[in-house]
Amino acid sequence: QVLSADALEHLAALAEKYDLALILDAAYEQLSWKPLNFKGLRSAR
């Protein structure tokens, strides 16, 4: 399963709220056929 843009935005918000590092394991990323949207992570880059 792929994390949706909404899920990534929620993870970013959680990391930002509690001052956490957000480590995303993207080992299979290029083998995703569901569109990837990282816009929600931009504010927490």
ModelCIF file with pLDDT and N, C-alpha, C, O atoms, coordinates in Angstrom:
data_MODEL
#
_entry.id   MODEL 
#
_entity.id                         1 
_entity.type                       polymer 
_entity.pdbx_number_of_molecules   1 
#
_entity_poly.entity_id                      1 
_entity_poly.type                           'polypeptide(L)' 
_entity_poly.nstd_linkage                   no 
_entity_poly.nstd_monomer                   no 
_entity_poly.pdbx_seq_one_letter_code       QVLSADALEHLAALAEKYDLALILDAAYEQLSWKPLNFKGLRSAR 
_entity_poly.pdbx_seq_one_letter_code_can   QVLSADALEHLAALAEKYDLALILDAAYEQLSWKPLNFKGLRSAR 
_entity_poly.pdbx_strand_id                 A 
#
loop_
_entity_poly_seq.entity_id 
_entity_poly_seq.num 
_entity_poly_seq.mon_id 
_entity_poly_seq.hetero 
1 1  GLN n 
1 2  VAL n 
1 3  LEU n 
1 4  SER n 
1 5  ALA n 
1 6  ASP n 
1 7  ALA n 
1 8  LEU n 
1 9  GLU n 
1 10 HIS n 
1 11 LEU n 
1 12 ALA n 
1 13 ALA n 
1 14 LEU n 
1 15 ALA n 
1 16 GLU n 
1 17 LYS n 
1 18 TYR n 
1 19 ASP n 
1 20 LEU n 
1 21 ALA n 
1 22 LEU n 
1 23 ILE n 
1 24 LEU n 
1 25 ASP n 
1 26 ALA n 
1 27 ALA n 
1 28 TYR n 
1 29 GLU n 
1 30 GLN n 
1 31 LEU n 
1 32 SER n 
1 33 TRP n 
1 34 LYS n 
1 35 PRO n 
1 36 LEU n 
1 37 ASN n 
1 38 PHE n 
1 39 LYS n 
1 40 GLY n 
1 41 LEU n 
1 42 ARG n 
1 43 SER n 
1 44 ALA n 
1 45 ARG n 
#
_struct_asym.id          A 
_struct_asym.entity_id   1 
#
loop_
_ma_qa_metric.id 
_ma_qa_metric.mode 
_ma_qa_metric.name 
_ma_qa_metric.software_group_id 
_ma_qa_metric.type 
1 global pLDDT . pLDDT 
2 local  pLDDT . pLDDT 
#
_ma_qa_metric_global.metric_id      1 
_ma_qa_metric_global.metric_value   94.82 
_ma_qa_metric_global.model_id       1 
_ma_qa_metric_global.ordinal_id     1 
#
loop_
_ma_qa_metric_local.label_asym_id 
_ma_qa_metric_local.label_comp_id 
_ma_qa_metric_local.label_seq_id 
_ma_qa_metric_local.metric_id 
_ma_qa_metric_local.metric_value 
_ma_qa_metric_local.model_id 
_ma_qa_metric_local.ordinal_id 
A GLN 1  2 97.00 1 1  
A VAL 2  2 97.00 1 2  
A LEU 3  2 95.00 1 3  
A SER 4  2 90.00 1 4  
A ALA 5  2 91.00 1 5  
A ASP 6  2 92.00 1 6  
A ALA 7  2 94.00 1 7  
A LEU 8  2 95.00 1 8  
A GLU 9  2 95.00 1 9  
A HIS 10 2 96.00 1 10 
A LEU 11 2 97.00 1 11 
A ALA 12 2 97.00 1 12 
A ALA 13 2 97.00 1 13 
A LEU 14 2 97.00 1 14 
A ALA 15 2 98.00 1 15 
A GLU 16 2 97.00 1 16 
A LYS 17 2 97.00 1 17 
A TYR 18 2 98.00 1 18 
A ASP 19 2 98.00 1 19 
A LEU 20 2 98.00 1 20 
A ALA 21 2 98.00 1 21 
A LEU 22 2 98.00 1 22 
A ILE 23 2 98.00 1 23 
A LEU 24 2 98.00 1 24 
A ASP 25 2 98.00 1 25 
A ALA 26 2 97.00 1 26 
A ALA 27 2 97.00 1 27 
A TYR 28 2 97.00 1 28 
A GLU 29 2 96.00 1 29 
A GLN 30 2 96.00 1 30 
A LEU 31 2 97.00 1 31 
A SER 32 2 97.00 1 32 
A TRP 33 2 96.00 1 33 
A LYS 34 2 93.00 1 34 
A PRO 35 2 88.00 1 35 
A LEU 36 2 88.00 1 36 
A ASN 37 2 87.00 1 37 
A PHE 38 2 92.00 1 38 
A LYS 39 2 88.00 1 39 
A GLY 40 2 88.00 1 40 
A LEU 41 2 94.00 1 41 
A ARG 42 2 91.00 1 42 
A SER 43 2 90.00 1 43 
A ALA 44 2 94.00 1 44 
A ARG 45 2 95.00 1 45 
#
loop_
_atom_site.group_PDB 
_atom_site.id 
_atom_site.type_symbol 
_atom_site.label_atom_id 
_atom_site.label_alt_id 
_atom_site.label_comp_id 
_atom_site.label_asym_id 
_atom_site.label_entity_id 
_atom_site.label_seq_id 
_atom_site.pdbx_PDB_ins_code 
_atom_site.Cartn_x 
_atom_site.Cartn_y 
_atom_site.Cartn_z 
_atom_site.occupancy 
_atom_site.B_iso_or_equiv 
_atom_site.pdbx_formal_charge 
_atom_site.auth_seq_id 
_atom_site.auth_comp_id 
_atom_site.auth_asym_id 
_atom_site.auth_atom_id 
_atom_site.pdbx_PDB_model_num 
ATOM 1   N N  . GLN A 1 1  ? 0.831  -1.207 0.000   1.00 97.00 ? 1  GLN A N  1 
ATOM 2   C CA . GLN A 1 1  ? 0.000  0.000  0.000   1.00 97.00 ? 1  GLN A CA 1 
ATOM 3   C C  . GLN A 1 1  ? 0.865  1.257  0.000   1.00 97.00 ? 1  GLN A C  1 
ATOM 4   O O  . GLN A 1 1  ? 1.955  1.280  0.572   1.00 97.00 ? 1  GLN A O  1 
ATOM 5   N N  . VAL A 1 2  ? 0.360  2.296  -0.650  1.00 97.00 ? 2  VAL A N  1 
ATOM 6   C CA . VAL A 1 2  ? 1.072  3.566  -0.809  1.00 97.00 ? 2  VAL A CA 1 
ATOM 7   C C  . VAL A 1 2  ? 0.443  4.623  0.097   1.00 97.00 ? 2  VAL A C  1 
ATOM 8   O O  . VAL A 1 2  ? -0.781 4.711  0.200   1.00 97.00 ? 2  VAL A O  1 
ATOM 9   N N  . LEU A 1 3  ? 1.274  5.415  0.743   1.00 95.00 ? 3  LEU A N  1 
ATOM 10  C CA . LEU A 1 3  ? 0.767  6.519  1.557   1.00 95.00 ? 3  LEU A CA 1 
ATOM 11  C C  . LEU A 1 3  ? 0.195  7.602  0.638   1.00 95.00 ? 3  LEU A C  1 
ATOM 12  O O  . LEU A 1 3  ? 0.862  8.063  -0.287  1.00 95.00 ? 3  LEU A O  1 
ATOM 13  N N  . SER A 1 4  ? -1.033 7.992  0.905   1.00 90.00 ? 4  SER A N  1 
ATOM 14  C CA . SER A 1 4  ? -1.669 9.029  0.096   1.00 90.00 ? 4  SER A CA 1 
ATOM 15  C C  . SER A 1 4  ? -1.067 10.395 0.401   1.00 90.00 ? 4  SER A C  1 
ATOM 16  O O  . SER A 1 4  ? -0.338 10.559 1.379   1.00 90.00 ? 4  SER A O  1 
ATOM 17  N N  . ALA A 1 5  ? -1.379 11.373 -0.445  1.00 91.00 ? 5  ALA A N  1 
ATOM 18  C CA . ALA A 1 5  ? -0.916 12.738 -0.206  1.00 91.00 ? 5  ALA A CA 1 
ATOM 19  C C  . ALA A 1 5  ? -1.450 13.244 1.132   1.00 91.00 ? 5  ALA A C  1 
ATOM 20  O O  . ALA A 1 5  ? -0.756 13.957 1.858   1.00 91.00 ? 5  ALA A O  1 
ATOM 21  N N  . ASP A 1 6  ? -2.694 12.867 1.452   1.00 92.00 ? 6  ASP A N  1 
ATOM 22  C CA . ASP A 1 6  ? -3.291 13.274 2.728   1.00 92.00 ? 6  ASP A CA 1 
ATOM 23  C C  . ASP A 1 6  ? -2.548 12.637 3.893   1.00 92.00 ? 6  ASP A C  1 
ATOM 24  O O  . ASP A 1 6  ? -2.311 13.286 4.913   1.00 92.00 ? 6  ASP A O  1 
ATOM 25  N N  . ALA A 1 7  ? -2.180 11.361 3.743   1.00 94.00 ? 7  ALA A N  1 
ATOM 26  C CA . ALA A 1 7  ? -1.453 10.676 4.821   1.00 94.00 ? 7  ALA A CA 1 
ATOM 27  C C  . ALA A 1 7  ? -0.087 11.307 5.040   1.00 94.00 ? 7  ALA A C  1 
ATOM 28  O O  . ALA A 1 7  ? 0.342  11.494 6.179   1.00 94.00 ? 7  ALA A O  1 
ATOM 29  N N  . LEU A 1 8  ? 0.596  11.635 3.945   1.00 95.00 ? 8  LEU A N  1 
ATOM 30  C CA . LEU A 1 8  ? 1.903  12.283 4.071   1.00 95.00 ? 8  LEU A CA 1 
ATOM 31  C C  . LEU A 1 8  ? 1.771  13.646 4.754   1.00 95.00 ? 8  LEU A C  1 
ATOM 32  O O  . LEU A 1 8  ? 2.619  14.030 5.560   1.00 95.00 ? 8  LEU A O  1 
ATOM 33  N N  . GLU A 1 9  ? 0.707  14.368 4.426   1.00 95.00 ? 9  GLU A N  1 
ATOM 34  C CA . GLU A 1 9  ? 0.485  15.676 5.059   1.00 95.00 ? 9  GLU A CA 1 
ATOM 35  C C  . GLU A 1 9  ? 0.257  15.512 6.562   1.00 95.00 ? 9  GLU A C  1 
ATOM 36  O O  . GLU A 1 9  ? 0.749  16.314 7.356   1.00 95.00 ? 9  GLU A O  1 
ATOM 37  N N  . HIS A 1 10 ? -0.483 14.480 6.950   1.00 96.00 ? 10 HIS A N  1 
ATOM 38  C CA . HIS A 1 10 ? -0.712 14.223 8.372   1.00 96.00 ? 10 HIS A CA 1 
ATOM 39  C C  . HIS A 1 10 ? 0.584  13.836 9.086   1.00 96.00 ? 10 HIS A C  1 
ATOM 40  O O  . HIS A 1 10 ? 0.836  14.273 10.209  1.00 96.00 ? 10 HIS A O  1 
ATOM 41  N N  . LEU A 1 11 ? 1.408  13.006 8.421   1.00 97.00 ? 11 LEU A N  1 
ATOM 42  C CA . LEU A 1 11 ? 2.692  12.632 9.029   1.00 97.00 ? 11 LEU A CA 1 
ATOM 43  C C  . LEU A 1 11 ? 3.580  13.858 9.214   1.00 97.00 ? 11 LEU A C  1 
ATOM 44  O O  . LEU A 1 11 ? 4.233  14.019 10.245  1.00 97.00 ? 11 LEU A O  1 
ATOM 45  N N  . ALA A 1 12 ? 3.592  14.718 8.202   1.00 97.00 ? 12 ALA A N  1 
ATOM 46  C CA . ALA A 1 12 ? 4.399  15.937 8.286   1.00 97.00 ? 12 ALA A CA 1 
ATOM 47  C C  . ALA A 1 12 ? 3.905  16.830 9.423   1.00 97.00 ? 12 ALA A C  1 
ATOM 48  O O  . ALA A 1 12 ? 4.705  17.399 10.166  1.00 97.00 ? 12 ALA A O  1 
ATOM 49  N N  . ALA A 1 13 ? 2.588  16.947 9.553   1.00 97.00 ? 13 ALA A N  1 
ATOM 50  C CA . ALA A 1 13 ? 2.026  17.789 10.613  1.00 97.00 ? 13 ALA A CA 1 
ATOM 51  C C  . ALA A 1 13 ? 2.365  17.234 11.990  1.00 97.00 ? 13 ALA A C  1 
ATOM 52  O O  . ALA A 1 13 ? 2.669  17.989 12.914  1.00 97.00 ? 13 ALA A O  1 
ATOM 53  N N  . LEU A 1 14 ? 2.312  15.919 12.122  1.00 97.00 ? 14 LEU A N  1 
ATOM 54  C CA . LEU A 1 14 ? 2.645  15.288 13.395  1.00 97.00 ? 14 LEU A CA 1 
ATOM 55  C C  . LEU A 1 14 ? 4.115  15.516 13.735  1.00 97.00 ? 14 LEU A C  1 
ATOM 56  O O  . LEU A 1 14 ? 4.459  15.840 14.871  1.00 97.00 ? 14 LEU A O  1 
ATOM 57  N N  . ALA A 1 15 ? 4.977  15.341 12.730  1.00 98.00 ? 15 ALA A N  1 
ATOM 58  C CA . ALA A 1 15 ? 6.411  15.556 12.948  1.00 98.00 ? 15 ALA A CA 1 
ATOM 59  C C  . ALA A 1 15 ? 6.697  17.011 13.317  1.00 98.00 ? 15 ALA A C  1 
ATOM 60  O O  . ALA A 1 15 ? 7.534  17.289 14.175  1.00 98.00 ? 15 ALA A O  1 
ATOM 61  N N  . GLU A 1 16 ? 5.998  17.928 12.664  1.00 97.00 ? 16 GLU A N  1 
ATOM 62  C CA . GLU A 1 16 ? 6.213  19.345 12.926  1.00 97.00 ? 16 GLU A CA 1 
ATOM 63  C C  . GLU A 1 16 ? 5.722  19.724 14.330  1.00 97.00 ? 16 GLU A C  1 
ATOM 64  O O  . GLU A 1 16 ? 6.376  20.478 15.051  1.00 97.00 ? 16 GLU A O  1 
ATOM 65  N N  . LYS A 1 17 ? 4.579  19.193 14.690  1.00 97.00 ? 17 LYS A N  1 
ATOM 66  C CA . LYS A 1 17 ? 3.989  19.539 15.985  1.00 97.00 ? 17 LYS A CA 1 
ATOM 67  C C  . LYS A 1 17 ? 4.865  19.099 17.148  1.00 97.00 ? 17 LYS A C  1 
ATOM 68  O O  . LYS A 1 17 ? 4.961  19.798 18.157  1.00 97.00 ? 17 LYS A O  1 
ATOM 69  N N  . TYR A 1 18 ? 5.510  17.930 17.009  1.00 98.00 ? 18 TYR A N  1 
ATOM 70  C CA . TYR A 1 18 ? 6.280  17.374 18.123  1.00 98.00 ? 18 TYR A CA 1 
ATOM 71  C C  . TYR A 1 18 ? 7.791  17.389 17.872  1.00 98.00 ? 18 TYR A C  1 
ATOM 72  O O  . TYR A 1 18 ? 8.550  16.737 18.589  1.00 98.00 ? 18 TYR A O  1 
ATOM 73  N N  . ASP A 1 19 ? 8.218  18.129 16.859  1.00 98.00 ? 19 ASP A N  1 
ATOM 74  C CA . ASP A 1 19 ? 9.650  18.285 16.567  1.00 98.00 ? 19 ASP A CA 1 
ATOM 75  C C  . ASP A 1 19 ? 10.329 16.929 16.352  1.00 98.00 ? 19 ASP A C  1 
ATOM 76  O O  . ASP A 1 19 ? 11.303 16.597 17.028  1.00 98.00 ? 19 ASP A O  1 
ATOM 77  N N  . LEU A 1 20 ? 9.803  16.157 15.406  1.00 98.00 ? 20 LEU A N  1 
ATOM 78  C CA . LEU A 1 20 ? 10.317 14.820 15.126  1.00 98.00 ? 20 LEU A CA 1 
ATOM 79  C C  . LEU A 1 20 ? 10.965 14.762 13.752  1.00 98.00 ? 20 LEU A C  1 
ATOM 80  O O  . LEU A 1 20 ? 10.607 15.524 12.854  1.00 98.00 ? 20 LEU A O  1 
ATOM 81  N N  . ALA A 1 21 ? 11.917 13.858 13.593  1.00 98.00 ? 21 ALA A N  1 
ATOM 82  C CA . ALA A 1 21 ? 12.423 13.538 12.253  1.00 98.00 ? 21 ALA A CA 1 
ATOM 83  C C  . ALA A 1 21 ? 11.416 12.607 11.594  1.00 98.00 ? 21 ALA A C  1 
ATOM 84  O O  . ALA A 1 21 ? 10.852 11.728 12.247  1.00 98.00 ? 21 ALA A O  1 
ATOM 85  N N  . LEU A 1 22 ? 11.193 12.802 10.301  1.00 98.00 ? 22 LEU A N  1 
ATOM 86  C CA . LEU A 1 22 ? 10.299 11.927 9.530   1.00 98.00 ? 22 LEU A CA 1 
ATOM 87  C C  . LEU A 1 22 ? 11.143 11.207 8.485   1.00 98.00 ? 22 LEU A C  1 
ATOM 88  O O  . LEU A 1 22 ? 11.587 11.809 7.507   1.00 98.00 ? 22 LEU A O  1 
ATOM 89  N N  . ILE A 1 23 ? 11.356 9.911  8.704   1.00 98.00 ? 23 ILE A N  1 
ATOM 90  C CA . ILE A 1 23 ? 12.204 9.103  7.826   1.00 98.00 ? 23 ILE A CA 1 
ATOM 91  C C  . ILE A 1 23 ? 11.304 8.249  6.948   1.00 98.00 ? 23 ILE A C  1 
ATOM 92  O O  . ILE A 1 23 ? 10.564 7.401  7.447   1.00 98.00 ? 23 ILE A O  1 
ATOM 93  N N  . LEU A 1 24 ? 11.367 8.471  5.638   1.00 98.00 ? 24 LEU A N  1 
ATOM 94  C CA . LEU A 1 24 ? 10.516 7.747  4.698   1.00 98.00 ? 24 LEU A CA 1 
ATOM 95  C C  . LEU A 1 24 ? 11.357 6.740  3.916   1.00 98.00 ? 24 LEU A C  1 
ATOM 96  O O  . LEU A 1 24 ? 12.263 7.114  3.173   1.00 98.00 ? 24 LEU A O  1 
ATOM 97  N N  . ASP A 1 25 ? 11.045 5.471  4.093   1.00 98.00 ? 25 ASP A N  1 
ATOM 98  C CA . ASP A 1 25 ? 11.703 4.386  3.373   1.00 98.00 ? 25 ASP A CA 1 
ATOM 99  C C  . ASP A 1 25 ? 11.053 4.284  1.997   1.00 98.00 ? 25 ASP A C  1 
ATOM 100 O O  . ASP A 1 25 ? 9.906  3.858  1.861   1.00 98.00 ? 25 ASP A O  1 
ATOM 101 N N  . ALA A 1 26 ? 11.816 4.685  0.979   1.00 97.00 ? 26 ALA A N  1 
ATOM 102 C CA . ALA A 1 26 ? 11.291 4.740  -0.388  1.00 97.00 ? 26 ALA A CA 1 
ATOM 103 C C  . ALA A 1 26 ? 11.926 3.684  -1.285  1.00 97.00 ? 26 ALA A C  1 
ATOM 104 O O  . ALA A 1 26 ? 12.103 3.907  -2.482  1.00 97.00 ? 26 ALA A O  1 
ATOM 105 N N  . ALA A 1 27 ? 12.273 2.525  -0.702  1.00 97.00 ? 27 ALA A N  1 
ATOM 106 C CA . ALA A 1 27 ? 12.975 1.487  -1.459  1.00 97.00 ? 27 ALA A CA 1 
ATOM 107 C C  . ALA A 1 27 ? 12.177 1.002  -2.667  1.00 97.00 ? 27 ALA A C  1 
ATOM 108 O O  . ALA A 1 27 ? 12.757 0.612  -3.681  1.00 97.00 ? 27 ALA A O  1 
ATOM 109 N N  . TYR A 1 28 ? 10.833 1.026  -2.561  1.00 97.00 ? 28 TYR A N  1 
ATOM 110 C CA . TYR A 1 28 ? 9.986  0.524  -3.654  1.00 97.00 ? 28 TYR A CA 1 
ATOM 111 C C  . TYR A 1 28 ? 9.306  1.658  -4.420  1.00 97.00 ? 28 TYR A C  1 
ATOM 112 O O  . TYR A 1 28 ? 8.389  1.419  -5.207  1.00 97.00 ? 28 TYR A O  1 
ATOM 113 N N  . GLU A 1 29 ? 9.746  2.862  -4.194  1.00 96.00 ? 29 GLU A N  1 
ATOM 114 C CA . GLU A 1 29 ? 9.042  4.034  -4.712  1.00 96.00 ? 29 GLU A CA 1 
ATOM 115 C C  . GLU A 1 29 ? 8.864  4.024  -6.226  1.00 96.00 ? 29 GLU A C  1 
ATOM 116 O O  . GLU A 1 29 ? 7.799  4.381  -6.728  1.00 96.00 ? 29 GLU A O  1 
ATOM 117 N N  . GLN A 1 30 ? 9.904  3.616  -6.958  1.00 96.00 ? 30 GLN A N  1 
ATOM 118 C CA . GLN A 1 30 ? 9.815  3.618  -8.421  1.00 96.00 ? 30 GLN A CA 1 
ATOM 119 C C  . GLN A 1 30 ? 8.963  2.465  -8.946  1.00 96.00 ? 30 GLN A C  1 
ATOM 120 O O  . GLN A 1 30 ? 8.703  2.373  -10.146 1.00 96.00 ? 30 GLN A O  1 
ATOM 121 N N  . LEU A 1 31 ? 8.531  1.590  -8.041  1.00 97.00 ? 31 LEU A N  1 
ATOM 122 C CA . LEU A 1 31 ? 7.623  0.508  -8.414  1.00 97.00 ? 31 LEU A CA 1 
ATOM 123 C C  . LEU A 1 31 ? 6.228  0.785  -7.859  1.00 97.00 ? 31 LEU A C  1 
ATOM 124 O O  . LEU A 1 31 ? 5.518  -0.134 -7.452  1.00 97.00 ? 31 LEU A O  1 
ATOM 125 N N  . SER A 1 32 ? 5.850  2.047  -7.848  1.00 97.00 ? 32 SER A N  1 
ATOM 126 C CA . SER A 1 32 ? 4.511  2.453  -7.429  1.00 97.00 ? 32 SER A CA 1 
ATOM 127 C C  . SER A 1 32 ? 3.724  2.870  -8.659  1.00 97.00 ? 32 SER A C  1 
ATOM 128 O O  . SER A 1 32 ? 4.192  3.697  -9.442  1.00 97.00 ? 32 SER A O  1 
ATOM 129 N N  . TRP A 1 33 ? 2.538  2.309  -8.839  1.00 96.00 ? 33 TRP A N  1 
ATOM 130 C CA . TRP A 1 33 ? 1.676  2.726  -9.947  1.00 96.00 ? 33 TRP A CA 1 
ATOM 131 C C  . TRP A 1 33 ? 0.567  3.640  -9.463  1.00 96.00 ? 33 TRP A C  1 
ATOM 132 O O  . TRP A 1 33 ? -0.151 4.221  -10.277 1.00 96.00 ? 33 TRP A O  1 
ATOM 133 N N  . LYS A 1 34 ? 0.412  3.780  -8.155  1.00 93.00 ? 34 LYS A N  1 
ATOM 134 C CA . LYS A 1 34 ? -0.461 4.816  -7.626  1.00 93.00 ? 34 LYS A CA 1 
ATOM 135 C C  . LYS A 1 34 ? 0.325  6.121  -7.650  1.00 93.00 ? 34 LYS A C  1 
ATOM 136 O O  . LYS A 1 34 ? 1.468  6.158  -7.195  1.00 93.00 ? 34 LYS A O  1 
ATOM 137 N N  . PRO A 1 35 ? -0.269 7.192  -8.175  1.00 88.00 ? 35 PRO A N  1 
ATOM 138 C CA . PRO A 1 35 ? 0.465  8.463  -8.254  1.00 88.00 ? 35 PRO A CA 1 
ATOM 139 C C  . PRO A 1 35 ? 1.018  8.906  -6.909  1.00 88.00 ? 35 PRO A C  1 
ATOM 140 O O  . PRO A 1 35 ? 0.346  8.805  -5.882  1.00 88.00 ? 35 PRO A O  1 
ATOM 141 N N  . LEU A 1 36 ? 2.252  9.398  -6.928  1.00 88.00 ? 36 LEU A N  1 
ATOM 142 C CA . LEU A 1 36 ? 2.912  9.885  -5.717  1.00 88.00 ? 36 LEU A CA 1 
ATOM 143 C C  . LEU A 1 36 ? 2.810  11.399 -5.667  1.00 88.00 ? 36 LEU A C  1 
ATOM 144 O O  . LEU A 1 36 ? 3.081  12.076 -6.659  1.00 88.00 ? 36 LEU A O  1 
ATOM 145 N N  . ASN A 1 37 ? 2.427  11.924 -4.534  1.00 87.00 ? 37 ASN A N  1 
ATOM 146 C CA . ASN A 1 37 ? 2.271  13.368 -4.381  1.00 87.00 ? 37 ASN A CA 1 
ATOM 147 C C  . ASN A 1 37 ? 2.891  13.783 -3.055  1.00 87.00 ? 37 ASN A C  1 
ATOM 148 O O  . ASN A 1 37 ? 2.383  13.444 -1.986  1.00 87.00 ? 37 ASN A O  1 
ATOM 149 N N  . PHE A 1 38 ? 4.000  14.525 -3.135  1.00 92.00 ? 38 PHE A N  1 
ATOM 150 C CA . PHE A 1 38 ? 4.739  14.899 -1.926  1.00 92.00 ? 38 PHE A CA 1 
ATOM 151 C C  . PHE A 1 38 ? 4.489  16.345 -1.518  1.00 92.00 ? 38 PHE A C  1 
ATOM 152 O O  . PHE A 1 38 ? 5.197  16.888 -0.670  1.00 92.00 ? 38 PHE A O  1 
ATOM 153 N N  . LYS A 1 39 ? 3.479  16.965 -2.125  1.00 88.00 ? 39 LYS A N  1 
ATOM 154 C CA . LYS A 1 39 ? 3.200  18.372 -1.844  1.00 88.00 ? 39 LYS A CA 1 
ATOM 155 C C  . LYS A 1 39 ? 2.986  18.620 -0.350  1.00 88.00 ? 39 LYS A C  1 
ATOM 156 O O  . LYS A 1 39 ? 3.380  19.656 0.185   1.00 88.00 ? 39 LYS A O  1 
ATOM 157 N N  . GLY A 1 40 ? 2.352  17.646 0.312   1.00 88.00 ? 40 GLY A N  1 
ATOM 158 C CA . GLY A 1 40 ? 2.053  17.815 1.729   1.00 88.00 ? 40 GLY A CA 1 
ATOM 159 C C  . GLY A 1 40 ? 3.274  17.805 2.619   1.00 88.00 ? 40 GLY A C  1 
ATOM 160 O O  . GLY A 1 40 ? 3.192  18.190 3.785   1.00 88.00 ? 40 GLY A O  1 
ATOM 161 N N  . LEU A 1 41 ? 4.414  17.369 2.089   1.00 94.00 ? 41 LEU A N  1 
ATOM 162 C CA . LEU A 1 41 ? 5.638  17.330 2.884   1.00 94.00 ? 41 LEU A CA 1 
ATOM 163 C C  . LEU A 1 41 ? 6.467  18.608 2.760   1.00 94.00 ? 41 LEU A C  1 
ATOM 164 O O  . LEU A 1 41 ? 7.401  18.831 3.531   1.00 94.00 ? 41 LEU A O  1 
ATOM 165 N N  . ARG A 1 42 ? 6.121  19.424 1.800   1.00 91.00 ? 42 ARG A N  1 
ATOM 166 C CA . ARG A 1 42 ? 6.981  20.574 1.490   1.00 91.00 ? 42 ARG A CA 1 
ATOM 167 C C  . ARG A 1 42 ? 7.216  21.480 2.694   1.00 91.00 ? 42 ARG A C  1 
ATOM 168 O O  . ARG A 1 42 ? 8.334  21.944 2.917   1.00 91.00 ? 42 ARG A O  1 
ATOM 169 N N  . SER A 1 43 ? 6.164  21.731 3.467   1.00 90.00 ? 43 SER A N  1 
ATOM 170 C CA . SER A 1 43 ? 6.309  22.648 4.613   1.00 90.00 ? 43 SER A CA 1 
ATOM 171 C C  . SER A 1 43 ? 7.189  22.054 5.713   1.00 90.00 ? 43 SER A C  1 
ATOM 172 O O  . SER A 1 43 ? 7.702  22.784 6.561   1.00 90.00 ? 43 SER A O  1 
ATOM 173 N N  . ALA A 1 44 ? 7.365  20.727 5.700   1.00 94.00 ? 44 ALA A N  1 
ATOM 174 C CA . ALA A 1 44 ? 8.180  20.072 6.727   1.00 94.00 ? 44 ALA A CA 1 
ATOM 175 C C  . ALA A 1 44 ? 9.471  19.508 6.143   1.00 94.00 ? 44 ALA A C  1 
ATOM 176 O O  . ALA A 1 44 ? 10.078 18.612 6.730   1.00 94.00 ? 44 ALA A O  1 
ATOM 177 N N  . ARG A 1 45 ? 9.895  20.030 4.988   1.00 95.00 ? 45 ARG A N  1 
ATOM 178 C CA . ARG A 1 45 ? 11.056 19.447 4.299   1.00 95.00 ? 45 ARG A CA 1 
ATOM 179 C C  . ARG A 1 45 ? 12.343 19.557 5.115   1.00 95.00 ? 45 ARG A C  1 
ATOM 180 O O  . ARG A 1 45 ? 13.398 19.111 4.665   1.00 95.00 ? 45 ARG A O  1 
#
